[in-house]
Amino acid sequence: GTFAAFENEVTEKKLNDDSFSKAYHKKV
């Protein structure tokens, strides 16, 4: 299945990206 947050799909590649991860954990 899929998981999207803030209208963008969240993937393992994105979560492993430091800038994406920091932005995500600032919002959540």
mmCIF file of all heavy atoms, coordinates in Angstrom:
data_MODEL
# 
_entry.id   MODEL 
# 
loop_
_atom_site.group_PDB 
_atom_site.id 
_atom_site.type_symbol 
_atom_site.label_atom_id 
_atom_site.label_alt_id 
_atom_site.label_comp_id 
_atom_site.label_asym_id 
_atom_site.label_entity_id 
_atom_site.label_seq_id 
_atom_site.pdbx_PDB_ins_code 
_atom_site.Cartn_x 
_atom_site.Cartn_y 
_atom_site.Cartn_z 
_atom_site.occupancy 
_atom_site.B_iso_or_equiv 
_atom_site.pdbx_formal_charge 
_atom_site.auth_seq_id 
_atom_site.auth_comp_id 
_atom_site.auth_asym_id 
_atom_site.auth_atom_id 
_atom_site.pdbx_PDB_model_num 
ATOM 1   N N   . GLY A 1 1  ? 0.824  -1.192 0.000  1.00 0.00 ? 1  GLY A N   1 
ATOM 2   C CA  . GLY A 1 1  ? 0.000  0.000  0.000  1.00 0.00 ? 1  GLY A CA  1 
ATOM 3   C C   . GLY A 1 1  ? 0.861  1.246  0.000  1.00 0.00 ? 1  GLY A C   1 
ATOM 4   O O   . GLY A 1 1  ? 2.095  1.181  -0.115 1.00 0.00 ? 1  GLY A O   1 
ATOM 5   N N   . THR A 1 2  ? 0.221  2.404  0.134  1.00 0.00 ? 2  THR A N   1 
ATOM 6   C CA  . THR A 1 2  ? 0.952  3.675  0.071  1.00 0.00 ? 2  THR A CA  1 
ATOM 7   C C   . THR A 1 2  ? 0.632  4.544  1.280  1.00 0.00 ? 2  THR A C   1 
ATOM 8   O O   . THR A 1 2  ? -0.427 4.427  1.898  1.00 0.00 ? 2  THR A O   1 
ATOM 9   C CB  . THR A 1 2  ? 0.598  4.470  -1.199 1.00 0.00 ? 2  THR A CB  1 
ATOM 10  O OG1 . THR A 1 2  ? -0.814 4.744  -1.211 1.00 0.00 ? 2  THR A OG1 1 
ATOM 11  C CG2 . THR A 1 2  ? 0.987  3.701  -2.450 1.00 0.00 ? 2  THR A CG2 1 
ATOM 12  N N   . PHE A 1 3  ? 1.586  5.418  1.590  1.00 0.00 ? 3  PHE A N   1 
ATOM 13  C CA  . PHE A 1 3  ? 1.427  6.406  2.655  1.00 0.00 ? 3  PHE A CA  1 
ATOM 14  C C   . PHE A 1 3  ? 1.842  7.760  2.119  1.00 0.00 ? 3  PHE A C   1 
ATOM 15  O O   . PHE A 1 3  ? 2.953  7.912  1.600  1.00 0.00 ? 3  PHE A O   1 
ATOM 16  C CB  . PHE A 1 3  ? 2.289  6.027  3.866  1.00 0.00 ? 3  PHE A CB  1 
ATOM 17  C CG  . PHE A 1 3  ? 2.366  7.107  4.914  1.00 0.00 ? 3  PHE A CG  1 
ATOM 18  C CD1 . PHE A 1 3  ? 1.214  7.679  5.438  1.00 0.00 ? 3  PHE A CD1 1 
ATOM 19  C CD2 . PHE A 1 3  ? 3.593  7.561  5.374  1.00 0.00 ? 3  PHE A CD2 1 
ATOM 20  C CE1 . PHE A 1 3  ? 1.282  8.681  6.394  1.00 0.00 ? 3  PHE A CE1 1 
ATOM 21  C CE2 . PHE A 1 3  ? 3.678  8.550  6.337  1.00 0.00 ? 3  PHE A CE2 1 
ATOM 22  C CZ  . PHE A 1 3  ? 2.519  9.109  6.845  1.00 0.00 ? 3  PHE A CZ  1 
ATOM 23  N N   . ALA A 1 4  ? 0.943  8.738  2.223  1.00 0.00 ? 4  ALA A N   1 
ATOM 24  C CA  . ALA A 1 4  ? 1.239  10.107 1.810  1.00 0.00 ? 4  ALA A CA  1 
ATOM 25  C C   . ALA A 1 4  ? 1.069  11.036 3.003  1.00 0.00 ? 4  ALA A C   1 
ATOM 26  O O   . ALA A 1 4  ? 0.190  10.836 3.851  1.00 0.00 ? 4  ALA A O   1 
ATOM 27  C CB  . ALA A 1 4  ? 0.317  10.543 0.678  1.00 0.00 ? 4  ALA A CB  1 
ATOM 28  N N   . ALA A 1 5  ? 1.936  12.037 3.087  1.00 0.00 ? 5  ALA A N   1 
ATOM 29  C CA  . ALA A 1 5  ? 1.857  13.047 4.137  1.00 0.00 ? 5  ALA A CA  1 
ATOM 30  C C   . ALA A 1 5  ? 1.962  14.418 3.489  1.00 0.00 ? 5  ALA A C   1 
ATOM 31  O O   . ALA A 1 5  ? 2.806  14.626 2.610  1.00 0.00 ? 5  ALA A O   1 
ATOM 32  C CB  . ALA A 1 5  ? 2.977  12.852 5.153  1.00 0.00 ? 5  ALA A CB  1 
ATOM 33  N N   . PHE A 1 6  ? 1.074  15.326 3.885  1.00 0.00 ? 6  PHE A N   1 
ATOM 34  C CA  . PHE A 1 6  ? 1.064  16.672 3.329  1.00 0.00 ? 6  PHE A CA  1 
ATOM 35  C C   . PHE A 1 6  ? 0.976  16.622 1.810  1.00 0.00 ? 6  PHE A C   1 
ATOM 36  O O   . PHE A 1 6  ? 1.626  17.371 1.100  1.00 0.00 ? 6  PHE A O   1 
ATOM 37  C CB  . PHE A 1 6  ? 2.287  17.464 3.811  1.00 0.00 ? 6  PHE A CB  1 
ATOM 38  C CG  . PHE A 1 6  ? 2.474  17.405 5.304  1.00 0.00 ? 6  PHE A CG  1 
ATOM 39  C CD1 . PHE A 1 6  ? 3.390  16.520 5.868  1.00 0.00 ? 6  PHE A CD1 1 
ATOM 40  C CD2 . PHE A 1 6  ? 1.697  18.177 6.151  1.00 0.00 ? 6  PHE A CD2 1 
ATOM 41  C CE1 . PHE A 1 6  ? 3.546  16.441 7.249  1.00 0.00 ? 6  PHE A CE1 1 
ATOM 42  C CE2 . PHE A 1 6  ? 1.850  18.100 7.529  1.00 0.00 ? 6  PHE A CE2 1 
ATOM 43  C CZ  . PHE A 1 6  ? 2.779  17.229 8.079  1.00 0.00 ? 6  PHE A CZ  1 
ATOM 44  N N   . GLU A 1 7  ? 0.181  15.649 1.329  1.00 0.00 ? 7  GLU A N   1 
ATOM 45  C CA  . GLU A 1 7  ? -0.179 15.491 -0.085 1.00 0.00 ? 7  GLU A CA  1 
ATOM 46  C C   . GLU A 1 7  ? 0.987  15.060 -0.966 1.00 0.00 ? 7  GLU A C   1 
ATOM 47  O O   . GLU A 1 7  ? 0.978  15.242 -2.182 1.00 0.00 ? 7  GLU A O   1 
ATOM 48  C CB  . GLU A 1 7  ? -0.862 16.762 -0.599 1.00 0.00 ? 7  GLU A CB  1 
ATOM 49  C CG  . GLU A 1 7  ? -2.117 17.097 0.229  1.00 0.00 ? 7  GLU A CG  1 
ATOM 50  C CD  . GLU A 1 7  ? -2.850 18.347 -0.212 1.00 0.00 ? 7  GLU A CD  1 
ATOM 51  O OE1 . GLU A 1 7  ? -2.210 19.222 -0.817 1.00 0.00 ? 7  GLU A OE1 1 
ATOM 52  O OE2 . GLU A 1 7  ? -4.057 18.438 0.084  1.00 0.00 ? 7  GLU A OE2 1 
ATOM 53  N N   . ASN A 1 8  ? 2.013  14.454 -0.348 1.00 0.00 ? 8  ASN A N   1 
ATOM 54  C CA  . ASN A 1 8  ? 3.127  13.871 -1.096 1.00 0.00 ? 8  ASN A CA  1 
ATOM 55  C C   . ASN A 1 8  ? 3.410  12.466 -0.576 1.00 0.00 ? 8  ASN A C   1 
ATOM 56  O O   . ASN A 1 8  ? 3.426  12.243 0.646  1.00 0.00 ? 8  ASN A O   1 
ATOM 57  C CB  . ASN A 1 8  ? 4.402  14.719 -0.939 1.00 0.00 ? 8  ASN A CB  1 
ATOM 58  C CG  . ASN A 1 8  ? 4.283  16.054 -1.655 1.00 0.00 ? 8  ASN A CG  1 
ATOM 59  O OD1 . ASN A 1 8  ? 4.221  16.116 -2.875 1.00 0.00 ? 8  ASN A OD1 1 
ATOM 60  N ND2 . ASN A 1 8  ? 4.218  17.124 -0.880 1.00 0.00 ? 8  ASN A ND2 1 
ATOM 61  N N   . GLU A 1 9  ? 3.652  11.523 -1.485 1.00 0.00 ? 9  GLU A N   1 
ATOM 62  C CA  . GLU A 1 9  ? 3.929  10.159 -1.046 1.00 0.00 ? 9  GLU A CA  1 
ATOM 63  C C   . GLU A 1 9  ? 5.235  10.109 -0.260 1.00 0.00 ? 9  GLU A C   1 
ATOM 64  O O   . GLU A 1 9  ? 6.229  10.752 -0.621 1.00 0.00 ? 9  GLU A O   1 
ATOM 65  C CB  . GLU A 1 9  ? 4.005  9.198  -2.241 1.00 0.00 ? 9  GLU A CB  1 
ATOM 66  C CG  . GLU A 1 9  ? 4.156  7.742  -1.801 1.00 0.00 ? 9  GLU A CG  1 
ATOM 67  C CD  . GLU A 1 9  ? 4.058  6.737  -2.931 1.00 0.00 ? 9  GLU A CD  1 
ATOM 68  O OE1 . GLU A 1 9  ? 3.769  7.134  -4.079 1.00 0.00 ? 9  GLU A OE1 1 
ATOM 69  O OE2 . GLU A 1 9  ? 4.278  5.541  -2.660 1.00 0.00 ? 9  GLU A OE2 1 
ATOM 70  N N   . VAL A 1 10 ? 5.219  9.360  0.825  1.00 0.00 ? 10 VAL A N   1 
ATOM 71  C CA  . VAL A 1 10 ? 6.408  9.170  1.654  1.00 0.00 ? 10 VAL A CA  1 
ATOM 72  C C   . VAL A 1 10 ? 7.005  7.809  1.321  1.00 0.00 ? 10 VAL A C   1 
ATOM 73  O O   . VAL A 1 10 ? 6.315  6.790  1.354  1.00 0.00 ? 10 VAL A O   1 
ATOM 74  C CB  . VAL A 1 10 ? 6.049  9.241  3.156  1.00 0.00 ? 10 VAL A CB  1 
ATOM 75  C CG1 . VAL A 1 10 ? 7.297  9.041  4.016  1.00 0.00 ? 10 VAL A CG1 1 
ATOM 76  C CG2 . VAL A 1 10 ? 5.399  10.586 3.479  1.00 0.00 ? 10 VAL A CG2 1 
ATOM 77  N N   . THR A 1 11 ? 8.290  7.802  0.995  1.00 0.00 ? 11 THR A N   1 
ATOM 78  C CA  . THR A 1 11 ? 8.979  6.563  0.630  1.00 0.00 ? 11 THR A CA  1 
ATOM 79  C C   . THR A 1 11 ? 10.229 6.402  1.495  1.00 0.00 ? 11 THR A C   1 
ATOM 80  O O   . THR A 1 11 ? 10.682 7.342  2.157  1.00 0.00 ? 11 THR A O   1 
ATOM 81  C CB  . THR A 1 11 ? 9.414  6.595  -0.843 1.00 0.00 ? 11 THR A CB  1 
ATOM 82  O OG1 . THR A 1 11 ? 10.352 7.683  -1.011 1.00 0.00 ? 11 THR A OG1 1 
ATOM 83  C CG2 . THR A 1 11 ? 8.223  6.803  -1.771 1.00 0.00 ? 11 THR A CG2 1 
ATOM 84  N N   . GLU A 1 12 ? 10.788 5.200  1.461  1.00 0.00 ? 12 GLU A N   1 
ATOM 85  C CA  . GLU A 1 12 ? 12.010 4.943  2.219  1.00 0.00 ? 12 GLU A CA  1 
ATOM 86  C C   . GLU A 1 12 ? 13.146 5.847  1.743  1.00 0.00 ? 12 GLU A C   1 
ATOM 87  O O   . GLU A 1 12 ? 13.919 6.374  2.545  1.00 0.00 ? 12 GLU A O   1 
ATOM 88  C CB  . GLU A 1 12 ? 12.407 3.473  2.077  1.00 0.00 ? 12 GLU A CB  1 
ATOM 89  C CG  . GLU A 1 12 ? 13.572 3.076  2.955  1.00 0.00 ? 12 GLU A CG  1 
ATOM 90  C CD  . GLU A 1 12 ? 13.848 1.577  2.920  1.00 0.00 ? 12 GLU A CD  1 
ATOM 91  O OE1 . GLU A 1 12 ? 13.145 0.852  2.194  1.00 0.00 ? 12 GLU A OE1 1 
ATOM 92  O OE2 . GLU A 1 12 ? 14.779 1.147  3.624  1.00 0.00 ? 12 GLU A OE2 1 
ATOM 93  N N   . LYS A 1 13 ? 13.221 6.050  0.441  1.00 0.00 ? 13 LYS A N   1 
ATOM 94  C CA  . LYS A 1 13 ? 14.275 6.914  -0.115 1.00 0.00 ? 13 LYS A CA  1 
ATOM 95  C C   . LYS A 1 13 ? 14.158 8.332  0.437  1.00 0.00 ? 13 LYS A C   1 
ATOM 96  O O   . LYS A 1 13 ? 15.163 8.960  0.815  1.00 0.00 ? 13 LYS A O   1 
ATOM 97  C CB  . LYS A 1 13 ? 14.180 6.920  -1.645 1.00 0.00 ? 13 LYS A CB  1 
ATOM 98  C CG  . LYS A 1 13 ? 15.274 7.744  -2.317 1.00 0.00 ? 13 LYS A CG  1 
ATOM 99  C CD  . LYS A 1 13 ? 15.152 7.694  -3.829 1.00 0.00 ? 13 LYS A CD  1 
ATOM 100 C CE  . LYS A 1 13 ? 16.241 8.534  -4.483 1.00 0.00 ? 13 LYS A CE  1 
ATOM 101 N NZ  . LYS A 1 13 ? 16.123 8.536  -5.969 1.00 0.00 ? 13 LYS A NZ  1 
ATOM 102 N N   . LYS A 1 14 ? 12.932 8.838  0.511  1.00 0.00 ? 14 LYS A N   1 
ATOM 103 C CA  . LYS A 1 14 ? 12.736 10.195 1.031  1.00 0.00 ? 14 LYS A CA  1 
ATOM 104 C C   . LYS A 1 14 ? 13.087 10.279 2.508  1.00 0.00 ? 14 LYS A C   1 
ATOM 105 O O   . LYS A 1 14 ? 13.746 11.226 2.952  1.00 0.00 ? 14 LYS A O   1 
ATOM 106 C CB  . LYS A 1 14 ? 11.290 10.649 0.808  1.00 0.00 ? 14 LYS A CB  1 
ATOM 107 C CG  . LYS A 1 14 ? 10.968 11.003 -0.631 1.00 0.00 ? 14 LYS A CG  1 
ATOM 108 C CD  . LYS A 1 14 ? 9.522  11.469 -0.755 1.00 0.00 ? 14 LYS A CD  1 
ATOM 109 C CE  . LYS A 1 14 ? 9.198  11.836 -2.205 1.00 0.00 ? 14 LYS A CE  1 
ATOM 110 N NZ  . LYS A 1 14 ? 7.764  12.212 -2.363 1.00 0.00 ? 14 LYS A NZ  1 
ATOM 111 N N   . LEU A 1 15 ? 12.657 9.289  3.306  1.00 0.00 ? 15 LEU A N   1 
ATOM 112 C CA  . LEU A 1 15 ? 12.941 9.328  4.735  1.00 0.00 ? 15 LEU A CA  1 
ATOM 113 C C   . LEU A 1 15 ? 14.426 9.203  5.025  1.00 0.00 ? 15 LEU A C   1 
ATOM 114 O O   . LEU A 1 15 ? 14.907 9.660  6.064  1.00 0.00 ? 15 LEU A O   1 
ATOM 115 C CB  . LEU A 1 15 ? 12.172 8.221  5.457  1.00 0.00 ? 15 LEU A CB  1 
ATOM 116 C CG  . LEU A 1 15 ? 10.663 8.458  5.639  1.00 0.00 ? 15 LEU A CG  1 
ATOM 117 C CD1 . LEU A 1 15 ? 10.012 7.247  6.274  1.00 0.00 ? 15 LEU A CD1 1 
ATOM 118 C CD2 . LEU A 1 15 ? 10.386 9.710  6.472  1.00 0.00 ? 15 LEU A CD2 1 
ATOM 119 N N   . ASN A 1 16 ? 15.162 8.569  4.108  1.00 0.00 ? 16 ASN A N   1 
ATOM 120 C CA  . ASN A 1 16 ? 16.614 8.447  4.270  1.00 0.00 ? 16 ASN A CA  1 
ATOM 121 C C   . ASN A 1 16 ? 17.362 9.699  3.829  1.00 0.00 ? 16 ASN A C   1 
ATOM 122 O O   . ASN A 1 16 ? 18.565 9.813  4.034  1.00 0.00 ? 16 ASN A O   1 
ATOM 123 C CB  . ASN A 1 16 ? 17.139 7.234  3.495  1.00 0.00 ? 16 ASN A CB  1 
ATOM 124 C CG  . ASN A 1 16 ? 16.782 5.925  4.177  1.00 0.00 ? 16 ASN A CG  1 
ATOM 125 O OD1 . ASN A 1 16 ? 16.581 5.880  5.381  1.00 0.00 ? 16 ASN A OD1 1 
ATOM 126 N ND2 . ASN A 1 16 ? 16.687 4.857  3.405  1.00 0.00 ? 16 ASN A ND2 1 
ATOM 127 N N   . ASP A 1 17 ? 16.636 10.627 3.214  1.00 0.00 ? 17 ASP A N   1 
ATOM 128 C CA  . ASP A 1 17 ? 17.225 11.905 2.799  1.00 0.00 ? 17 ASP A CA  1 
ATOM 129 C C   . ASP A 1 17 ? 17.197 12.856 3.993  1.00 0.00 ? 17 ASP A C   1 
ATOM 130 O O   . ASP A 1 17 ? 16.136 13.125 4.555  1.00 0.00 ? 17 ASP A O   1 
ATOM 131 C CB  . ASP A 1 17 ? 16.442 12.490 1.628  1.00 0.00 ? 17 ASP A CB  1 
ATOM 132 C CG  . ASP A 1 17 ? 16.974 13.850 1.224  1.00 0.00 ? 17 ASP A CG  1 
ATOM 133 O OD1 . ASP A 1 17 ? 17.974 13.920 0.505  1.00 0.00 ? 17 ASP A OD1 1 
ATOM 134 O OD2 . ASP A 1 17 ? 16.379 14.864 1.659  1.00 0.00 ? 17 ASP A OD2 1 
ATOM 135 N N   . ASP A 1 18 ? 18.352 13.368 4.384  1.00 0.00 ? 18 ASP A N   1 
ATOM 136 C CA  . ASP A 1 18 ? 18.462 14.146 5.622  1.00 0.00 ? 18 ASP A CA  1 
ATOM 137 C C   . ASP A 1 18 ? 17.574 15.381 5.615  1.00 0.00 ? 18 ASP A C   1 
ATOM 138 O O   . ASP A 1 18 ? 16.898 15.676 6.610  1.00 0.00 ? 18 ASP A O   1 
ATOM 139 C CB  . ASP A 1 18 ? 19.926 14.534 5.844  1.00 0.00 ? 18 ASP A CB  1 
ATOM 140 C CG  . ASP A 1 18 ? 20.171 15.030 7.261  1.00 0.00 ? 18 ASP A CG  1 
ATOM 141 O OD1 . ASP A 1 18 ? 19.691 14.371 8.206  1.00 0.00 ? 18 ASP A OD1 1 
ATOM 142 O OD2 . ASP A 1 18 ? 20.822 16.074 7.424  1.00 0.00 ? 18 ASP A OD2 1 
ATOM 143 N N   . SER A 1 19 ? 17.538 16.105 4.514  1.00 0.00 ? 19 SER A N   1 
ATOM 144 C CA  . SER A 1 19 ? 16.757 17.342 4.484  1.00 0.00 ? 19 SER A CA  1 
ATOM 145 C C   . SER A 1 19 ? 15.261 17.042 4.550  1.00 0.00 ? 19 SER A C   1 
ATOM 146 O O   . SER A 1 19 ? 14.500 17.738 5.237  1.00 0.00 ? 19 SER A O   1 
ATOM 147 C CB  . SER A 1 19 ? 17.098 18.175 3.238  1.00 0.00 ? 19 SER A CB  1 
ATOM 148 O OG  . SER A 1 19 ? 16.803 17.464 2.062  1.00 0.00 ? 19 SER A OG  1 
ATOM 149 N N   . PHE A 1 20 ? 14.815 15.974 3.852  1.00 0.00 ? 20 PHE A N   1 
ATOM 150 C CA  . PHE A 1 20 ? 13.399 15.587 3.908  1.00 0.00 ? 20 PHE A CA  1 
ATOM 151 C C   . PHE A 1 20 ? 13.032 15.160 5.320  1.00 0.00 ? 20 PHE A C   1 
ATOM 152 O O   . PHE A 1 20 ? 11.995 15.557 5.870  1.00 0.00 ? 20 PHE A O   1 
ATOM 153 C CB  . PHE A 1 20 ? 13.109 14.456 2.923  1.00 0.00 ? 20 PHE A CB  1 
ATOM 154 C CG  . PHE A 1 20 ? 11.678 13.970 2.961  1.00 0.00 ? 20 PHE A CG  1 
ATOM 155 C CD1 . PHE A 1 20 ? 10.717 14.547 2.132  1.00 0.00 ? 20 PHE A CD1 1 
ATOM 156 C CD2 . PHE A 1 20 ? 11.285 12.969 3.832  1.00 0.00 ? 20 PHE A CD2 1 
ATOM 157 C CE1 . PHE A 1 20 ? 9.396  14.126 2.174  1.00 0.00 ? 20 PHE A CE1 1 
ATOM 158 C CE2 . PHE A 1 20 ? 9.962  12.536 3.889  1.00 0.00 ? 20 PHE A CE2 1 
ATOM 159 C CZ  . PHE A 1 20 ? 9.017  13.111 3.049  1.00 0.00 ? 20 PHE A CZ  1 
ATOM 160 N N   . SER A 1 21 ? 13.893 14.336 5.923  1.00 0.00 ? 21 SER A N   1 
ATOM 161 C CA  . SER A 1 21 ? 13.618 13.812 7.254  1.00 0.00 ? 21 SER A CA  1 
ATOM 162 C C   . SER A 1 21 ? 13.527 14.939 8.288  1.00 0.00 ? 21 SER A C   1 
ATOM 163 O O   . SER A 1 21 ? 12.623 14.956 9.130  1.00 0.00 ? 21 SER A O   1 
ATOM 164 C CB  . SER A 1 21 ? 14.707 12.810 7.649  1.00 0.00 ? 21 SER A CB  1 
ATOM 165 O OG  . SER A 1 21 ? 14.433 12.257 8.907  1.00 0.00 ? 21 SER A OG  1 
ATOM 166 N N   . LYS A 1 22 ? 14.445 15.896 8.219  1.00 0.00 ? 22 LYS A N   1 
ATOM 167 C CA  . LYS A 1 22 ? 14.412 17.021 9.160  1.00 0.00 ? 22 LYS A CA  1 
ATOM 168 C C   . LYS A 1 22 ? 13.138 17.832 8.994  1.00 0.00 ? 22 LYS A C   1 
ATOM 169 O O   . LYS A 1 22 ? 12.490 18.224 9.981  1.00 0.00 ? 22 LYS A O   1 
ATOM 170 C CB  . LYS A 1 22 ? 15.637 17.925 8.949  1.00 0.00 ? 22 LYS A CB  1 
ATOM 171 C CG  . LYS A 1 22 ? 16.886 17.447 9.641  1.00 0.00 ? 22 LYS A CG  1 
ATOM 172 C CD  . LYS A 1 22 ? 17.995 18.472 9.509  1.00 0.00 ? 22 LYS A CD  1 
ATOM 173 C CE  . LYS A 1 22 ? 19.242 18.011 10.259 1.00 0.00 ? 22 LYS A CE  1 
ATOM 174 N NZ  . LYS A 1 22 ? 20.351 18.987 10.118 1.00 0.00 ? 22 LYS A NZ  1 
ATOM 175 N N   . ALA A 1 23 ? 12.763 18.094 7.745  1.00 0.00 ? 23 ALA A N   1 
ATOM 176 C CA  . ALA A 1 23 ? 11.545 18.868 7.489  1.00 0.00 ? 23 ALA A CA  1 
ATOM 177 C C   . ALA A 1 23 ? 10.314 18.127 7.988  1.00 0.00 ? 23 ALA A C   1 
ATOM 178 O O   . ALA A 1 23 ? 9.393  18.725 8.551  1.00 0.00 ? 23 ALA A O   1 
ATOM 179 C CB  . ALA A 1 23 ? 11.428 19.173 5.991  1.00 0.00 ? 23 ALA A CB  1 
ATOM 180 N N   . TYR A 1 24 ? 10.315 16.817 7.794  1.00 0.00 ? 24 TYR A N   1 
ATOM 181 C CA  . TYR A 1 24 ? 9.175  16.003 8.214  1.00 0.00 ? 24 TYR A CA  1 
ATOM 182 C C   . TYR A 1 24 ? 9.027  16.039 9.735  1.00 0.00 ? 24 TYR A C   1 
ATOM 183 O O   . TYR A 1 24 ? 7.924  16.257 10.262 1.00 0.00 ? 24 TYR A O   1 
ATOM 184 C CB  . TYR A 1 24 ? 9.367  14.560 7.748  1.00 0.00 ? 24 TYR A CB  1 
ATOM 185 C CG  . TYR A 1 24 ? 8.119  13.713 7.871  1.00 0.00 ? 24 TYR A CG  1 
ATOM 186 C CD1 . TYR A 1 24 ? 7.242  13.600 6.803  1.00 0.00 ? 24 TYR A CD1 1 
ATOM 187 C CD2 . TYR A 1 24 ? 7.806  13.053 9.052  1.00 0.00 ? 24 TYR A CD2 1 
ATOM 188 C CE1 . TYR A 1 24 ? 6.088  12.830 6.899  1.00 0.00 ? 24 TYR A CE1 1 
ATOM 189 C CE2 . TYR A 1 24 ? 6.658  12.289 9.164  1.00 0.00 ? 24 TYR A CE2 1 
ATOM 190 C CZ  . TYR A 1 24 ? 5.796  12.180 8.086  1.00 0.00 ? 24 TYR A CZ  1 
ATOM 191 O OH  . TYR A 1 24 ? 4.656  11.437 8.189  1.00 0.00 ? 24 TYR A OH  1 
ATOM 192 N N   . HIS A 1 25 ? 10.133 15.833 10.434 1.00 0.00 ? 25 HIS A N   1 
ATOM 193 C CA  . HIS A 1 25 ? 10.063 15.763 11.894 1.00 0.00 ? 25 HIS A CA  1 
ATOM 194 C C   . HIS A 1 25 ? 9.910  17.139 12.534 1.00 0.00 ? 25 HIS A C   1 
ATOM 195 O O   . HIS A 1 25 ? 9.617  17.232 13.734 1.00 0.00 ? 25 HIS A O   1 
ATOM 196 C CB  . HIS A 1 25 ? 11.271 15.008 12.440 1.00 0.00 ? 25 HIS A CB  1 
ATOM 197 C CG  . HIS A 1 25 ? 11.280 13.567 12.034 1.00 0.00 ? 25 HIS A CG  1 
ATOM 198 N ND1 . HIS A 1 25 ? 10.300 12.682 12.449 1.00 0.00 ? 25 HIS A ND1 1 
ATOM 199 C CD2 . HIS A 1 25 ? 12.099 12.855 11.223 1.00 0.00 ? 25 HIS A CD2 1 
ATOM 200 C CE1 . HIS A 1 25 ? 10.519 11.483 11.920 1.00 0.00 ? 25 HIS A CE1 1 
ATOM 201 N NE2 . HIS A 1 25 ? 11.608 11.567 11.169 1.00 0.00 ? 25 HIS A NE2 1 
ATOM 202 N N   . LYS A 1 26 ? 10.090 18.194 11.748 1.00 0.00 ? 26 LYS A N   1 
ATOM 203 C CA  . LYS A 1 26 ? 9.754  19.529 12.235 1.00 0.00 ? 26 LYS A CA  1 
ATOM 204 C C   . LYS A 1 26 ? 8.241  19.728 12.199 1.00 0.00 ? 26 LYS A C   1 
ATOM 205 O O   . LYS A 1 26 ? 7.664  20.365 13.077 1.00 0.00 ? 26 LYS A O   1 
ATOM 206 C CB  . LYS A 1 26 ? 10.447 20.584 11.371 1.00 0.00 ? 26 LYS A CB  1 
ATOM 207 C CG  . LYS A 1 26 ? 10.274 22.004 11.864 1.00 0.00 ? 26 LYS A CG  1 
ATOM 208 C CD  . LYS A 1 26 ? 11.175 22.945 11.087 1.00 0.00 ? 26 LYS A CD  1 
ATOM 209 C CE  . LYS A 1 26 ? 11.129 24.359 11.657 1.00 0.00 ? 26 LYS A CE  1 
ATOM 210 N NZ  . LYS A 1 26 ? 9.846  25.026 11.424 1.00 0.00 ? 26 LYS A NZ  1 
ATOM 211 N N   . LYS A 1 27 ? 7.584  19.134 11.204 1.00 0.00 ? 27 LYS A N   1 
ATOM 212 C CA  . LYS A 1 27 ? 6.133  19.274 11.064 1.00 0.00 ? 27 LYS A CA  1 
ATOM 213 C C   . LYS A 1 27 ? 5.361  18.321 11.959 1.00 0.00 ? 27 LYS A C   1 
ATOM 214 O O   . LYS A 1 27 ? 4.231  18.605 12.348 1.00 0.00 ? 27 LYS A O   1 
ATOM 215 C CB  . LYS A 1 27 ? 5.710  19.002 9.602  1.00 0.00 ? 27 LYS A CB  1 
ATOM 216 C CG  . LYS A 1 27 ? 6.070  20.084 8.619  1.00 0.00 ? 27 LYS A CG  1 
ATOM 217 C CD  . LYS A 1 27 ? 5.550  19.688 7.247  1.00 0.00 ? 27 LYS A CD  1 
ATOM 218 C CE  . LYS A 1 27 ? 5.823  20.753 6.201  1.00 0.00 ? 27 LYS A CE  1 
ATOM 219 N NZ  . LYS A 1 27 ? 5.320  20.334 4.874  1.00 0.00 ? 27 LYS A NZ  1 
ATOM 220 N N   . VAL A 1 28 ? 5.956  17.151 12.239 1.00 0.00 ? 28 VAL A N   1 
ATOM 221 C CA  . VAL A 1 28 ? 5.249  16.077 12.937 1.00 0.00 ? 28 VAL A CA  1 
ATOM 222 C C   . VAL A 1 28 ? 5.986  15.723 14.222 1.00 0.00 ? 28 VAL A C   1 
ATOM 223 O O   . VAL A 1 28 ? 7.126  15.268 14.191 1.00 0.00 ? 28 VAL A O   1 
ATOM 224 C CB  . VAL A 1 28 ? 5.128  14.824 12.041 1.00 0.00 ? 28 VAL A CB  1 
ATOM 225 C CG1 . VAL A 1 28 ? 4.363  13.720 12.770 1.00 0.00 ? 28 VAL A CG1 1 
ATOM 226 C CG2 . VAL A 1 28 ? 4.449  15.160 10.721 1.00 0.00 ? 28 VAL A CG2 1 
# 
